[in-house]
Every structure is written in C-alpha cells, then in structure tokens.
Amino acid sequence: MDGVGLQSFLLVVTSEMGDKTQLLALVLASKFKKPWTIMAGILVATLVNHGLASLLGTEISALLPPHLLNKILGFTFLAFAVWLLVPDKDEGLKWSEKYGAFVTTTIAFFLAEMGDKTQLATVALAARFQAPVMVTLGTTAGMLVADGLAVFLGEKLTRRISMKWIHWGAAALFAIFGVALFFQD
C-alpha cells in the first residue's frame, strides 16, 4: 500500500472506532454467529460504497482549482475532526433474517455508510489525492480492520480500550491533515 492508501487507511480505521457501522458489525456478528460471512458482506458493501465515493471525489477535484480545493478540503477535514468528537447514535437500522448473514450485512452496511463520516472522508481523500483506487483500497482496509475487531473481538475489546481516546486520536489526525492543507498551494 502506498502513502495515499496508508493515509486513507489510518484516517478511516481510527474514525471508524465506535462508529455506528462498527456497532452494526458487532450486532450482526452476535446475531448471525458467522464472522467470515459478516466480513465478506462488509467488504462488498464498502468496496462499492467507497469506490463510488472515491470516483465522486476525483471528479470534484477536476472541477475546482487546486488552491480552492485545498481550502475546502482543509475545512472539511477540520469539520470531520469535530464530528468525530460527537458520539454516534443507534439510528434504528432494521434488518431481516430471511436474507441471511451475507445479504443482510451487505445491504445494511451499504445503507449505513450513506452520508457517514467515513464515506464523506473517502470523497475528500479522493479529491485530495486524485487516486480513487488507492483511496478505496485504503479506506476499505481501514473499515475491515476496525469492523473486524468488532466482529471477532467485540465485547472484550470495548472493555479494555476507551472509545473517548480513540475518537480524540482520530480527531487529531483529521485536524493535522486539515491544517496541512491550508499551507499547500
């Protein structure tokens, strides 16, 4: 994974901690008891969702002059830093068991990611780097790691690591990226 993919991975893996989709992964894993099937659904949903978001970000970057794009992205990353400090709420996502673990997970994750901070961050990262494939791979890897922790370790992990500190760390990363963009031409 190159620098773009690594930066995309780091931003998403930290911002996904405690996010509603990570909580969704925990609930689905405990409900269906099929961790690898849940992970496959997360993979498919995230590749499609973040792939489309990366393409959108790349198109946006082609429409704006670089200095304006950097300012917009700088403010966007700073806004994400603040957003990360606001706890997610369970938005009452519903699913049906009749479609099985894979289909249920794929649909639930795709819909849960719509307008979520990791999807919007993917748009911003792709606009910043103009590398939709690497951004998609990085953000998808970040989602898989963060959600995999929920799927495979779940409750054990949440008892040992304070989500408050993870959110502050993720907010700091977004803030650093945002401020750095203000100093680029």
Protein backbone atom coordinates (compact mmCIF):
# COMPACT_ATOMS: atom_id res chain seq x y z
CA MET A 1 0.00 0.00 0.00
CA ASP A 2 1.43 3.39 -0.96
CA GLY A 3 1.32 6.64 1.05
CA VAL A 4 -2.16 7.55 -0.22
CA GLY A 5 -3.53 4.15 0.74
CA LEU A 6 -1.80 4.26 4.13
CA GLN A 7 -3.13 7.74 4.95
CA SER A 8 -6.61 6.67 3.83
CA PHE A 9 -6.35 3.53 5.96
CA LEU A 10 -5.21 5.43 9.07
CA LEU A 11 -7.94 8.05 8.86
CA VAL A 12 -10.71 5.51 8.37
CA VAL A 13 -9.54 2.86 10.84
CA THR A 14 -9.34 5.43 13.63
CA SER A 15 -12.54 7.28 12.75
CA GLU A 16 -14.48 4.01 12.42
CA MET A 17 -13.79 3.10 16.07
CA GLY A 18 -17.09 3.49 17.91
CA ASP A 19 -18.91 4.47 14.70
CA LYS A 20 -22.43 3.18 14.08
CA THR A 21 -21.19 0.77 11.41
CA GLN A 22 -18.72 -0.76 13.85
CA LEU A 23 -21.58 -1.20 16.31
CA LEU A 24 -23.65 -2.67 13.46
CA ALA A 25 -20.83 -5.18 12.82
CA LEU A 26 -20.87 -6.18 16.49
CA VAL A 27 -24.67 -6.66 16.47
CA LEU A 28 -24.67 -8.64 13.21
CA ALA A 29 -21.83 -10.88 14.40
CA SER A 30 -23.63 -11.64 17.65
CA LYS A 31 -26.93 -12.22 15.83
CA PHE A 32 -25.76 -14.45 12.97
CA LYS A 33 -22.66 -16.08 14.54
CA LYS A 34 -20.96 -16.18 11.11
CA PRO A 35 -17.96 -13.84 11.40
CA TRP A 36 -16.40 -14.58 8.00
CA THR A 37 -19.73 -14.15 6.23
CA ILE A 38 -20.25 -10.83 8.04
CA MET A 39 -16.75 -9.71 6.98
CA ALA A 40 -17.46 -10.67 3.35
CA GLY A 41 -20.62 -8.54 3.42
CA ILE A 42 -18.69 -5.62 4.91
CA LEU A 43 -16.03 -5.99 2.19
CA VAL A 44 -18.52 -5.95 -0.70
CA ALA A 45 -20.58 -3.06 0.72
CA THR A 46 -17.51 -0.97 1.47
CA LEU A 47 -15.82 -1.57 -1.89
CA VAL A 48 -18.95 -0.46 -3.74
CA ASN A 49 -19.78 2.46 -1.44
CA HIS A 50 -16.25 3.81 -1.08
CA GLY A 51 -15.46 3.10 -4.74
CA LEU A 52 -18.34 5.34 -5.79
CA ALA A 53 -17.33 7.93 -3.18
CA SER A 54 -13.74 7.92 -4.48
CA LEU A 55 -14.90 8.44 -8.05
CA LEU A 56 -17.06 11.36 -6.93
CA GLY A 57 -14.13 12.90 -5.04
CA THR A 58 -11.85 12.58 -8.06
CA GLU A 59 -14.46 14.26 -10.29
CA ILE A 60 -14.89 17.11 -7.80
CA SER A 61 -11.14 17.70 -7.77
CA ALA A 62 -11.12 18.04 -11.56
CA LEU A 63 -13.70 20.84 -11.38
CA LEU A 64 -12.00 23.09 -8.83
CA PRO A 65 -8.70 24.97 -8.94
CA PRO A 66 -6.11 23.40 -6.59
CA HIS A 67 -5.86 26.37 -4.18
CA LEU A 68 -9.65 26.45 -3.69
CA LEU A 69 -9.85 22.68 -3.39
CA ASN A 70 -7.15 22.70 -0.67
CA LYS A 71 -9.06 25.31 1.35
CA ILE A 72 -12.36 23.43 1.02
CA LEU A 73 -10.70 20.14 1.95
CA GLY A 74 -8.87 21.78 4.85
CA PHE A 75 -12.18 22.97 6.30
CA THR A 76 -13.75 19.58 5.54
CA PHE A 77 -11.05 17.67 7.44
CA LEU A 78 -11.32 20.10 10.38
CA ALA A 79 -15.09 19.56 10.38
CA PHE A 80 -14.50 15.78 10.46
CA ALA A 81 -12.19 16.27 13.45
CA VAL A 82 -15.01 17.98 15.34
CA TRP A 83 -17.61 15.46 14.09
CA LEU A 84 -15.55 12.60 15.49
CA LEU A 85 -15.92 14.03 18.96
CA VAL A 86 -19.73 13.76 18.75
CA PRO A 87 -20.80 10.21 19.70
CA ASP A 88 -22.77 8.19 17.15
CA LYS A 89 -26.28 7.12 17.98
CA ASP A 90 -28.00 3.91 17.00
CA GLU A 91 -30.26 5.12 14.22
CA GLY A 92 -32.58 2.16 14.49
CA LEU A 93 -31.24 0.23 11.50
CA LYS A 94 -33.50 -2.73 10.88
CA TRP A 95 -32.78 -5.92 9.00
CA SER A 96 -34.44 -9.18 8.28
CA GLU A 97 -33.01 -12.60 9.00
CA LYS A 98 -34.73 -14.11 5.96
CA TYR A 99 -31.97 -12.88 3.63
CA GLY A 100 -29.14 -14.45 5.59
CA ALA A 101 -25.95 -13.03 7.04
CA PHE A 102 -24.19 -12.02 3.80
CA VAL A 103 -27.05 -10.21 2.04
CA THR A 104 -28.25 -8.60 5.28
CA THR A 105 -24.75 -7.35 6.13
CA THR A 106 -24.05 -6.10 2.60
CA ILE A 107 -27.28 -4.10 2.39
CA ALA A 108 -27.17 -2.85 5.98
CA PHE A 109 -23.55 -1.68 5.64
CA PHE A 110 -24.06 -0.04 2.27
CA LEU A 111 -27.03 1.92 3.61
CA ALA A 112 -25.38 2.72 6.95
CA GLU A 113 -22.38 4.21 5.14
CA MET A 114 -24.51 6.62 3.10
CA GLY A 115 -23.61 10.10 4.36
CA ASP A 116 -21.49 8.64 7.16
CA LYS A 117 -18.23 10.34 8.09
CA THR A 118 -16.10 7.54 6.59
CA GLN A 119 -17.92 7.81 3.25
CA LEU A 120 -17.57 11.60 3.23
CA ALA A 121 -13.93 11.27 4.27
CA THR A 122 -13.43 8.95 1.29
CA VAL A 123 -14.84 11.62 -1.04
CA ALA A 124 -12.48 14.19 0.49
CA LEU A 125 -9.45 11.89 0.37
CA ALA A 126 -10.06 11.05 -3.29
CA ALA A 127 -10.47 14.75 -4.09
CA ARG A 128 -7.23 15.48 -2.26
CA PHE A 129 -5.09 12.70 -3.73
CA GLN A 130 -6.83 12.10 -7.08
CA ALA A 131 -6.13 8.39 -6.65
CA PRO A 132 -9.53 6.68 -6.38
CA VAL A 133 -8.23 3.11 -6.43
CA MET A 134 -5.66 3.62 -3.67
CA VAL A 135 -8.09 5.67 -1.58
CA THR A 136 -10.77 2.97 -1.97
CA LEU A 137 -8.30 0.22 -1.05
CA GLY A 138 -7.04 2.17 1.96
CA THR A 139 -10.46 3.13 3.28
CA THR A 140 -11.82 -0.37 2.70
CA ALA A 141 -8.86 -1.88 4.57
CA GLY A 142 -9.49 0.57 7.40
CA MET A 143 -13.16 -0.45 7.56
CA LEU A 144 -12.26 -4.15 7.55
CA VAL A 145 -9.73 -3.78 10.37
CA ALA A 146 -11.97 -1.63 12.58
CA ASP A 147 -15.11 -3.65 11.93
CA GLY A 148 -13.16 -6.92 12.12
CA LEU A 149 -12.20 -6.00 15.68
CA ALA A 150 -15.90 -5.69 16.48
CA VAL A 151 -16.80 -8.90 14.67
CA PHE A 152 -14.04 -11.08 16.13
CA LEU A 153 -13.24 -9.48 19.49
CA GLY A 154 -16.35 -7.44 20.21
CA GLU A 155 -17.09 -7.06 23.86
CA LYS A 156 -13.57 -7.98 25.06
CA LEU A 157 -12.12 -5.01 23.17
CA THR A 158 -14.65 -2.43 24.32
CA ARG A 159 -13.92 -3.26 27.96
CA ARG A 160 -10.17 -2.55 27.54
CA ILE A 161 -9.92 0.50 25.26
CA SER A 162 -11.64 3.79 25.98
CA MET A 163 -13.52 4.97 22.87
CA LYS A 164 -13.01 8.53 24.07
CA TRP A 165 -9.25 8.29 23.50
CA ILE A 166 -9.65 6.61 20.13
CA HIS A 167 -12.02 9.37 19.00
CA TRP A 168 -9.60 12.06 20.19
CA GLY A 169 -6.73 10.38 18.30
CA ALA A 170 -8.78 10.15 15.11
CA ALA A 171 -9.88 13.78 15.50
CA ALA A 172 -6.22 14.80 15.86
CA LEU A 173 -5.32 13.01 12.61
CA PHE A 174 -8.10 14.76 10.72
CA ALA A 175 -7.10 18.11 12.23
CA ILE A 176 -3.45 17.63 11.22
CA PHE A 177 -4.47 16.78 7.64
CA GLY A 178 -6.85 19.74 7.57
CA VAL A 179 -4.30 22.27 8.82
CA ALA A 180 -1.63 20.92 6.46
CA LEU A 181 -3.94 21.60 3.51
CA PHE A 182 -4.11 25.30 4.36
CA PHE A 183 -0.34 25.57 3.79
CA GLN A 184 -0.36 23.97 0.35
CA ASP A 185 -0.73 25.93 -2.88
